[in-house]
Amino acid sequence: MSNPTNFLPVPEVKYTQKSSILGEFEVNVHSSVVHSKMHDAFTNLQRRVSLPGFRPGKVPLDMVRKKYHEDVLHDVFSQLVNETYRKAAVENKVRVAGDPYVTRTNLNEWREGETLQYTAQVDLIPEVSLKKYKGLPVTKKDTKIQDEDVNVVLKNLLDAKAELVNLDPSTQIAKGHLAVIDFEGHLDGKPLPEATAKNFFLEVGAKDSLEDFQNGLLGAKAGDQKTIEVTYPADYRNTDIAGKSVSYAVTVHEVKKKEYPELTDEIAKEFQAESAEDLRARIRKSLEDEMVTEQRQQTEEEVLAAFLEANPIEVPVSLVQRQLQYILEEVAGMLRKQKFGDGLIQDYMRKHAKDFQGRAEREVKVALLLPKVVEQEKIQASEEDFRKYFEDIVKHSGQKIEAIEKFYQDNAQRKEELAHEIERRNAVFLMIDSAKAK
């Protein structure tokens, strides 16, 4: 027997492209189509619902229609919008970026026997054409490691062997000194027990100490008493003092400094080096590798920024919002790992909302433009590219390379996604290699 829905009138659809990233569908759905879908929906609902005095599946269809008419109508409308817009998108070869949003409809006034009308707009994935991606400007930086850089690392290595030496009481505190102090914090005139300590050792200039507090100690001598005001950042993890000023009463007892032993071959061997000269050379090589990696990352950021500037495109709102949501979830997860509470996380999100929005827009633009470079340069992920990627995973995770290879061999879709990722990375490397240093 023929399916009666095969003979229902086809919805009338008019498509208009409003801009490179916005399209509009105007749709008229014949009353018989709406009636058929609502009848099917009521029949399916009748099998499940129960009302007082009736067993499930035994409620008269007229009662189901009366009670659930509005709910079913809105469900059918949503179904019709999705069906008609998807079909129309295929027929008009429209690359949609997200779900449609209805801007006009007669749904609330619709009556049985009338045509159901709606207008819906959709975000479009724009057609991208490249203007320039080679010879982009980047800043050339000096990557030479200085002797002082090596000495800083050596100092950290020898820290455990350093001796604390008392300085003359008249010595003024400077960066690098160790101060033995008592301090007592006050907030709004009331003592803060958790911000109080006796005979506390503070290395002035250390990265993990509060800058306001350290600066307040500079120039002080043994026996001095000072009041130091410290303003805490708004995202400080202790919510009781975050964004507030705490007054510290400080007494300086002693000023000390660390005296480091001379680096000898014997000491160098403790750090798996053959000699003092070999240890210095290894430190220099390590710092050079770090600097090359950092320079590469900075150059990549500059190249991508220049790439976007040279190839301006509009991006659909829905793609940006989707990427923004991903970024916010990622950042929130990182903050939770650092023991930030929900209130501080929300404050942080609000404070950096514009930055996150800008990052989302940039990432969407890069995601749309890079495949064009891949296409134009005919870049393909090679087996050597896969091998390097797998070796990098082994280096950072300790997994066996055979297990990683098998995972991607058994997951064709994952391997295809990885191939696209590698190809986009190689496109960035191509742009970096062809960039012109300023």
Protein backbone atom coordinates (compact mmCIF):
# COMPACT_ATOMS: atom_id res chain seq x y z
CA MET A 1 0.00 0.00 0.00
CA SER A 2 1.37 3.47 -0.84
CA ASN A 3 2.48 5.77 1.97
CA PRO A 4 0.01 8.71 2.05
CA THR A 5 2.80 11.10 3.04
CA ASN A 6 4.27 10.60 -0.43
CA PHE A 7 1.34 12.57 -1.85
CA LEU A 8 1.57 15.52 0.58
CA PRO A 9 2.43 18.91 -0.96
CA VAL A 10 6.11 19.84 -0.86
CA PRO A 11 6.82 22.95 1.29
CA GLU A 12 7.46 26.12 -0.69
CA VAL A 13 10.94 27.48 0.09
CA LYS A 14 12.59 30.73 -0.98
CA TYR A 15 16.28 31.13 -0.12
CA THR A 16 18.07 34.50 0.01
CA GLN A 17 21.74 35.01 0.84
CA LYS A 18 21.84 38.13 3.00
CA SER A 19 25.64 38.30 3.33
CA SER A 20 28.71 36.08 3.11
CA ILE A 21 27.85 34.67 6.55
CA LEU A 22 24.04 34.95 6.70
CA GLY A 23 21.29 33.20 4.75
CA GLU A 24 17.48 33.36 5.05
CA PHE A 25 14.76 30.81 4.30
CA GLU A 26 11.13 31.80 3.79
CA VAL A 27 8.99 28.68 4.06
CA ASN A 28 5.28 27.93 3.50
CA VAL A 29 4.08 24.54 4.75
CA HIS A 30 0.72 23.32 3.41
CA SER A 31 -1.96 22.72 6.06
CA SER A 32 -2.25 19.03 5.07
CA VAL A 33 1.43 18.49 5.91
CA VAL A 34 0.98 20.05 9.36
CA HIS A 35 -2.23 18.04 9.90
CA SER A 36 -0.51 14.77 8.95
CA LYS A 37 2.45 15.35 11.26
CA MET A 38 0.23 16.40 14.16
CA HIS A 39 -1.97 13.34 13.65
CA ASP A 40 1.09 11.09 13.80
CA ALA A 41 2.37 12.90 16.89
CA PHE A 42 -0.97 12.59 18.71
CA THR A 43 -1.21 8.89 17.81
CA ASN A 44 2.29 8.20 19.19
CA LEU A 45 1.52 10.23 22.30
CA GLN A 46 -1.75 8.35 22.86
CA ARG A 47 0.22 5.10 23.25
CA ARG A 48 2.25 6.53 26.14
CA VAL A 49 0.11 8.94 28.14
CA SER A 50 -2.27 8.12 30.96
CA LEU A 51 -5.02 10.34 32.36
CA PRO A 52 -7.21 9.86 35.46
CA GLY A 53 -9.70 7.06 34.73
CA PHE A 54 -7.75 5.63 31.77
CA ARG A 55 -4.95 3.11 31.54
CA PRO A 56 -1.81 4.02 29.51
CA GLY A 57 -2.64 3.72 25.80
CA LYS A 58 -6.38 3.84 26.36
CA VAL A 59 -6.95 7.62 26.53
CA PRO A 60 -9.33 8.70 23.70
CA LEU A 61 -7.50 10.50 20.89
CA ASP A 62 -9.78 13.56 21.14
CA MET A 63 -8.81 14.01 24.80
CA VAL A 64 -5.12 13.73 23.91
CA ARG A 65 -5.59 16.35 21.19
CA LYS A 66 -7.36 18.73 23.54
CA LYS A 67 -4.88 18.41 26.41
CA TYR A 68 -1.63 18.41 24.43
CA HIS A 69 -2.49 20.52 21.39
CA GLU A 70 -0.13 23.42 22.11
CA ASP A 71 2.82 21.19 23.07
CA VAL A 72 2.40 18.99 20.00
CA LEU A 73 2.02 21.98 17.69
CA HIS A 74 5.30 23.50 18.90
CA ASP A 75 7.09 20.14 18.65
CA VAL A 76 5.79 19.63 15.11
CA PHE A 77 6.83 23.18 14.21
CA SER A 78 10.41 22.54 15.44
CA GLN A 79 10.48 19.30 13.48
CA LEU A 80 9.22 21.02 10.33
CA VAL A 81 11.79 23.83 10.64
CA ASN A 82 14.66 21.34 10.93
CA GLU A 83 13.41 19.15 8.09
CA THR A 84 12.63 21.92 5.62
CA TYR A 85 15.72 24.01 6.26
CA ARG A 86 18.08 21.02 5.98
CA LYS A 87 16.48 19.94 2.71
CA ALA A 88 16.52 23.48 1.38
CA ALA A 89 20.18 23.89 2.42
CA VAL A 90 21.14 20.80 0.40
CA GLU A 91 19.10 21.86 -2.62
CA ASN A 92 20.58 25.38 -2.58
CA LYS A 93 24.10 24.10 -1.78
CA VAL A 94 24.22 26.24 1.34
CA ARG A 95 27.06 25.53 3.83
CA VAL A 96 25.30 26.16 7.13
CA ALA A 97 27.32 26.75 10.31
CA GLY A 98 24.67 26.06 12.91
CA ASP A 99 20.99 25.65 13.69
CA PRO A 100 18.43 28.07 12.21
CA TYR A 101 16.83 30.80 14.29
CA VAL A 102 13.26 31.74 13.45
CA THR A 103 12.75 35.46 12.97
CA ARG A 104 9.07 35.47 11.89
CA THR A 105 6.19 32.96 11.99
CA ASN A 106 2.40 32.73 12.15
CA LEU A 107 2.61 29.78 14.57
CA ASN A 108 0.76 31.51 17.43
CA GLU A 109 -2.10 32.55 15.11
CA TRP A 110 -2.13 29.34 13.07
CA ARG A 111 -5.43 27.45 12.77
CA GLU A 112 -6.29 24.05 11.25
CA GLY A 113 -6.58 24.35 7.45
CA GLU A 114 -4.18 27.32 7.18
CA THR A 115 -0.68 27.40 5.71
CA LEU A 116 2.06 27.45 8.34
CA GLN A 117 4.64 30.10 7.55
CA TYR A 118 8.03 30.91 8.97
CA THR A 119 11.20 32.81 8.12
CA ALA A 120 14.48 31.51 9.52
CA GLN A 121 18.02 32.79 9.30
CA VAL A 122 21.12 30.60 9.34
CA ASP A 123 24.81 31.32 9.80
CA LEU A 124 26.88 30.36 6.79
CA ILE A 125 30.43 29.07 6.50
CA PRO A 126 31.93 31.74 4.24
CA GLU A 127 33.69 30.99 0.98
CA VAL A 128 37.34 31.78 1.63
CA SER A 129 39.89 33.00 -0.91
CA LEU A 130 43.51 33.62 0.09
CA LYS A 131 45.22 36.92 -0.66
CA LYS A 132 48.64 36.36 0.94
CA TYR A 133 50.26 33.76 3.15
CA LYS A 134 53.94 33.78 2.14
CA GLY A 135 56.51 36.45 3.04
CA LEU A 136 54.50 37.63 6.05
CA PRO A 137 56.33 40.03 8.42
CA VAL A 138 57.73 38.76 11.73
CA THR A 139 60.06 40.25 14.34
CA LYS A 140 63.57 38.81 14.47
CA LYS A 141 64.83 38.44 18.04
CA ASP A 142 68.30 37.77 19.40
CA THR A 143 68.49 34.13 20.51
CA LYS A 144 72.05 34.23 21.86
CA ILE A 145 72.46 32.93 25.40
CA GLN A 146 74.58 35.15 27.67
CA ASP A 147 76.98 33.96 30.38
CA GLU A 148 74.69 35.57 32.96
CA ASP A 149 71.82 33.33 31.83
CA VAL A 150 73.99 30.26 32.46
CA ASN A 151 75.05 31.62 35.85
CA VAL A 152 71.41 32.00 36.96
CA VAL A 153 70.74 28.31 36.25
CA LEU A 154 73.99 27.29 37.97
CA LYS A 155 72.98 29.33 41.00
CA ASN A 156 69.70 27.42 41.22
CA LEU A 157 71.52 24.08 40.92
CA LEU A 158 73.99 25.01 43.67
CA ASP A 159 71.34 26.49 45.95
CA ALA A 160 71.28 23.44 48.24
CA LYS A 161 75.05 23.78 48.76
CA ALA A 162 74.95 27.51 49.54
CA GLU A 163 75.75 28.79 53.04
CA LEU A 164 73.78 31.52 54.77
CA VAL A 165 76.02 34.34 55.96
CA ASN A 166 74.96 37.10 58.36
CA LEU A 167 75.56 40.60 56.99
CA ASP A 168 76.52 43.67 58.99
CA PRO A 169 73.45 45.12 60.85
CA SER A 170 73.86 48.35 58.91
CA THR A 171 73.34 46.54 55.57
CA GLN A 172 70.31 47.75 53.66
CA ILE A 173 68.10 45.02 52.21
CA ALA A 174 68.50 44.57 48.45
CA LYS A 175 67.25 42.03 45.96
CA GLY A 176 68.94 38.68 46.50
CA HIS A 177 69.24 39.15 50.25
CA LEU A 178 67.48 36.96 52.80
CA ALA A 179 65.55 38.86 55.46
CA VAL A 180 64.56 37.30 58.79
CA ILE A 181 61.37 39.09 59.79
CA ASP A 182 58.27 39.09 61.97
CA PHE A 183 55.08 40.31 60.34
CA GLU A 184 51.44 40.76 61.30
CA GLY A 185 48.73 41.54 58.76
CA HIS A 186 45.69 43.74 59.44
CA LEU A 187 42.55 44.08 57.31
CA ASP A 188 40.27 47.03 58.10
CA GLY A 189 42.14 47.42 61.39
CA LYS A 190 41.58 43.81 62.49
CA PRO A 191 44.44 41.27 62.81
CA LEU A 192 44.65 38.45 60.28
CA PRO A 193 45.92 35.32 62.07
CA GLU A 194 46.68 33.56 58.77
CA ALA A 195 48.88 36.54 57.71
CA THR A 196 51.14 36.48 60.79
CA ALA A 197 54.57 34.85 61.28
CA LYS A 198 57.66 34.97 63.52
CA ASN A 199 61.30 34.64 62.31
CA PHE A 200 60.16 34.20 58.75
CA PHE A 201 62.86 33.77 56.07
CA LEU A 202 62.07 35.80 52.95
CA GLU A 203 64.27 35.84 49.85
CA VAL A 204 63.82 39.36 48.51
CA GLY A 205 63.28 39.28 44.75
CA ALA A 206 61.96 35.71 44.64
CA LYS A 207 59.27 35.19 42.01
CA ASP A 208 56.77 33.51 44.35
CA SER A 209 56.60 36.40 46.85
CA LEU A 210 54.28 39.40 46.76
CA GLU A 211 55.92 42.27 44.87
CA ASP A 212 54.39 45.00 47.06
CA PHE A 213 55.70 43.29 50.20
CA GLN A 214 59.22 42.81 48.79
CA ASN A 215 59.46 46.41 47.53
CA GLY A 216 58.43 47.62 50.99
CA LEU A 217 61.44 45.84 52.51
CA LEU A 218 64.04 47.31 50.17
CA GLY A 219 66.43 49.63 52.03
CA ALA A 220 65.43 48.42 55.49
CA LYS A 221 68.09 47.34 58.04
CA ALA A 222 68.22 44.93 60.97
CA GLY A 223 66.19 46.37 63.83
CA ASP A 224 63.91 48.46 61.61
CA GLN A 225 60.14 48.39 62.00
CA LYS A 226 57.97 49.19 59.00
CA THR A 227 54.38 49.23 57.86
CA ILE A 228 53.88 47.80 54.37
CA GLU A 229 50.63 48.08 52.43
CA VAL A 230 49.90 45.15 50.10
CA THR A 231 47.04 45.23 47.57
CA TYR A 232 46.00 41.72 46.50
CA PRO A 233 44.82 40.95 42.95
CA ALA A 234 41.09 40.43 42.38
CA ASP A 235 41.66 36.81 41.36
CA TYR A 236 43.75 35.95 44.44
CA ARG A 237 42.85 32.47 45.64
CA ASN A 238 42.08 33.58 49.21
CA THR A 239 38.69 35.20 48.65
CA ASP A 240 38.78 36.93 52.07
CA ILE A 241 41.53 39.29 50.92
CA ALA A 242 41.18 39.14 47.11
CA GLY A 243 41.02 42.67 45.69
CA LYS A 244 41.66 44.22 49.14
CA SER A 245 44.58 46.02 50.84
CA VAL A 246 46.25 44.43 53.85
CA SER A 247 48.50 46.44 56.17
CA TYR A 248 51.56 44.53 57.47
CA ALA A 249 53.49 45.53 60.60
CA VAL A 250 57.03 44.24 59.95
CA THR A 251 60.08 43.91 62.19
CA VAL A 252 63.46 43.12 60.56
CA HIS A 253 65.74 40.92 62.72
CA GLU A 254 68.60 39.98 60.42
CA VAL A 255 69.83 40.41 56.87
CA LYS A 256 71.66 37.46 55.31
CA LYS A 257 73.01 36.43 51.95
CA LYS A 258 73.81 33.11 50.31
CA GLU A 259 77.40 32.24 49.50
CA TYR A 260 77.70 29.68 46.76
CA PRO A 261 80.62 27.23 46.41
CA GLU A 262 82.91 27.48 43.42
CA LEU A 263 81.82 25.10 40.69
CA THR A 264 84.36 22.27 40.49
CA ASP A 265 84.57 19.14 38.36
CA GLU A 266 83.62 17.06 41.39
CA ILE A 267 80.44 19.09 42.02
CA ALA A 268 79.59 18.99 38.31
CA LYS A 269 79.70 15.18 38.38
CA GLU A 270 76.87 15.25 40.95
CA PHE A 271 74.71 16.68 38.14
CA GLN A 272 75.68 13.90 35.68
CA ALA A 273 78.26 16.10 33.89
CA GLU A 274 81.84 15.13 33.14
CA SER A 275 83.32 18.44 34.30
CA ALA A 276 82.46 22.01 35.27
CA GLU A 277 82.99 23.07 31.65
CA ASP A 278 80.73 20.24 30.45
CA LEU A 279 77.97 21.27 32.91
CA ARG A 280 78.11 24.86 31.69
CA ALA A 281 77.93 23.66 28.09
CA ARG A 282 74.92 21.45 28.84
CA ILE A 283 73.12 24.31 30.58
CA ARG A 284 73.83 26.62 27.64
CA LYS A 285 72.54 24.00 25.17
CA SER A 286 69.37 23.49 27.24
CA LEU A 287 68.74 27.24 27.41
CA GLU A 288 69.33 27.58 23.67
CA ASP A 289 66.81 24.80 22.97
CA GLU A 290 64.27 26.49 25.25
CA MET A 291 64.85 29.84 23.57
CA VAL A 292 64.50 28.34 20.09
CA THR A 293 61.18 26.73 21.14
CA GLU A 294 59.97 29.99 22.69
CA GLN A 295 61.06 31.96 19.61
CA ARG A 296 59.25 29.45 17.39
CA GLN A 297 56.06 29.87 19.42
CA GLN A 298 56.29 33.67 19.30
CA THR A 299 57.00 33.59 15.57
CA GLU A 300 53.99 31.32 15.05
CA GLU A 301 51.74 33.78 16.90
CA GLU A 302 53.10 36.68 14.84
CA VAL A 303 52.73 34.80 11.55
CA LEU A 304 49.13 33.84 12.32
CA ALA A 305 48.32 37.43 13.32
CA ALA A 306 49.85 38.71 10.06
CA PHE A 307 48.04 35.93 8.16
CA LEU A 308 44.67 37.06 9.52
CA GLU A 309 45.44 40.71 8.82
CA ALA A 310 46.37 39.89 5.21
CA ASN A 311 43.26 37.74 4.70
CA PRO A 312 40.31 39.49 6.39
CA ILE A 313 37.10 37.44 6.54
CA GLU A 314 33.75 37.61 8.30
CA VAL A 315 32.94 34.72 10.60
CA PRO A 316 29.49 33.44 11.64
CA VAL A 317 28.33 34.13 15.17
CA SER A 318 27.40 30.51 15.89
CA LEU A 319 30.93 29.23 15.16
CA VAL A 320 32.45 31.91 17.39
CA GLN A 321 30.01 31.14 20.20
CA ARG A 322 30.75 27.41 19.92
CA GLN A 323 34.50 28.06 20.11
CA LEU A 324 34.01 30.54 22.96
CA GLN A 325 32.10 27.91 24.95
CA TYR A 326 34.94 25.44 24.41
CA ILE A 327 37.51 28.02 25.61
CA LEU A 328 35.48 28.91 28.72
CA GLU A 329 35.08 25.25 29.68
CA GLU A 330 38.81 24.67 29.17
CA VAL A 331 39.80 27.69 31.29
CA ALA A 332 37.30 26.84 34.04
CA GLY A 333 38.72 23.31 34.20
CA MET A 334 42.27 24.66 34.57
CA LEU A 335 41.21 27.06 37.33
CA ARG A 336 39.41 24.30 39.22
CA LYS A 337 42.61 22.24 39.15
CA GLN A 338 44.30 25.23 40.83
CA LYS A 339 41.61 25.11 43.57
CA PHE A 340 39.80 28.28 42.46
CA GLY A 341 36.23 28.47 43.80
CA ASP A 342 33.18 29.05 41.57
CA GLY A 343 32.92 32.70 42.61
CA LEU A 344 36.53 33.48 41.66
CA ILE A 345 36.15 31.58 38.39
CA GLN A 346 33.11 33.68 37.47
CA ASP A 347 34.98 36.89 38.38
CA TYR A 348 37.92 35.79 36.24
CA MET A 349 35.63 34.99 33.29
CA ARG A 350 33.94 38.40 33.52
CA LYS A 351 37.28 40.21 33.78
CA HIS A 352 38.70 38.50 30.69
CA ALA A 353 35.45 38.19 28.68
CA LYS A 354 36.67 40.48 25.88
CA ASP A 355 39.97 38.57 25.61
CA PHE A 356 38.15 35.22 25.36
CA GLN A 357 35.79 36.61 22.71
CA GLY A 358 38.71 37.88 20.65
CA ARG A 359 40.54 34.57 20.99
CA ALA A 360 37.46 32.65 19.84
CA GLU A 361 37.10 34.86 16.75
CA ARG A 362 40.79 34.46 15.88
CA GLU A 363 40.69 30.68 16.27
CA VAL A 364 37.60 30.38 14.05
CA LYS A 365 39.22 32.54 11.35
CA VAL A 366 42.42 30.46 11.46
CA ALA A 367 40.35 27.25 11.28
CA LEU A 368 38.62 28.52 8.12
CA LEU A 369 41.73 29.93 6.42
CA LEU A 370 44.40 27.29 7.09
CA PRO A 371 42.68 24.50 5.08
CA LYS A 372 42.91 26.81 2.06
CA VAL A 373 46.70 26.95 2.47
CA VAL A 374 46.74 23.16 2.77
CA GLU A 375 44.66 22.89 -0.39
CA GLN A 376 46.67 25.44 -2.38
CA GLU A 377 50.05 23.95 -1.40
CA LYS A 378 48.75 20.37 -1.79
CA ILE A 379 50.03 19.52 1.71
CA GLN A 380 49.52 15.90 2.78
CA ALA A 381 50.38 14.19 6.06
CA SER A 382 53.13 11.64 5.40
CA GLU A 383 53.93 8.49 7.34
CA GLU A 384 57.01 10.31 8.66
CA ASP A 385 54.73 13.07 9.98
CA PHE A 386 52.63 10.47 11.81
CA ARG A 387 55.76 8.84 13.19
CA LYS A 388 57.09 12.14 14.59
CA TYR A 389 53.70 12.85 16.16
CA PHE A 390 53.61 9.42 17.81
CA GLU A 391 57.19 9.81 19.08
CA ASP A 392 56.25 13.14 20.64
CA ILE A 393 53.35 11.46 22.48
CA VAL A 394 55.76 8.77 23.74
CA LYS A 395 58.18 11.44 24.96
CA HIS A 396 55.52 13.24 27.01
CA SER A 397 53.32 10.34 28.15
CA GLY A 398 55.59 7.31 28.41
CA GLN A 399 53.19 5.17 26.38
CA LYS A 400 54.55 2.55 24.00
CA ILE A 401 54.61 3.68 20.39
CA GLU A 402 53.13 0.34 19.24
CA ALA A 403 50.00 0.98 21.34
CA ILE A 404 49.62 4.50 19.92
CA GLU A 405 50.05 3.30 16.34
CA LYS A 406 47.48 0.54 16.88
CA PHE A 407 44.99 3.01 18.34
CA TYR A 408 45.06 5.14 15.19
CA GLN A 409 45.13 2.11 12.88
CA ASP A 410 41.93 0.84 14.54
CA ASN A 411 40.24 4.28 14.40
CA ALA A 412 40.10 5.47 10.81
CA GLN A 413 38.14 8.61 11.71
CA ARG A 414 40.62 9.60 14.43
CA LYS A 415 43.54 9.07 12.05
CA GLU A 416 41.84 11.23 9.41
CA GLU A 417 41.29 13.99 12.00
CA LEU A 418 44.94 13.71 13.02
CA ALA A 419 46.00 13.93 9.36
CA HIS A 420 44.07 17.21 9.01
CA GLU A 421 45.68 18.55 12.21
CA ILE A 422 49.18 17.65 10.96
CA GLU A 423 48.48 19.22 7.56
CA ARG A 424 47.35 22.48 9.17
CA ARG A 425 50.45 22.49 11.39
CA ASN A 426 52.65 21.96 8.32
CA ALA A 427 50.85 24.87 6.65
CA VAL A 428 51.83 27.09 9.60
CA PHE A 429 55.45 25.87 9.37
CA LEU A 430 55.45 26.70 5.66
CA MET A 431 54.31 30.26 6.45
CA ILE A 432 56.95 30.59 9.18
CA ASP A 433 59.74 29.39 6.88
CA SER A 434 58.72 31.89 4.19
CA ALA A 435 58.20 34.81 6.60
CA LYS A 436 60.33 37.96 6.30
CA ALA A 437 62.02 39.21 9.46
CA LYS A 438 61.55 42.86 10.36
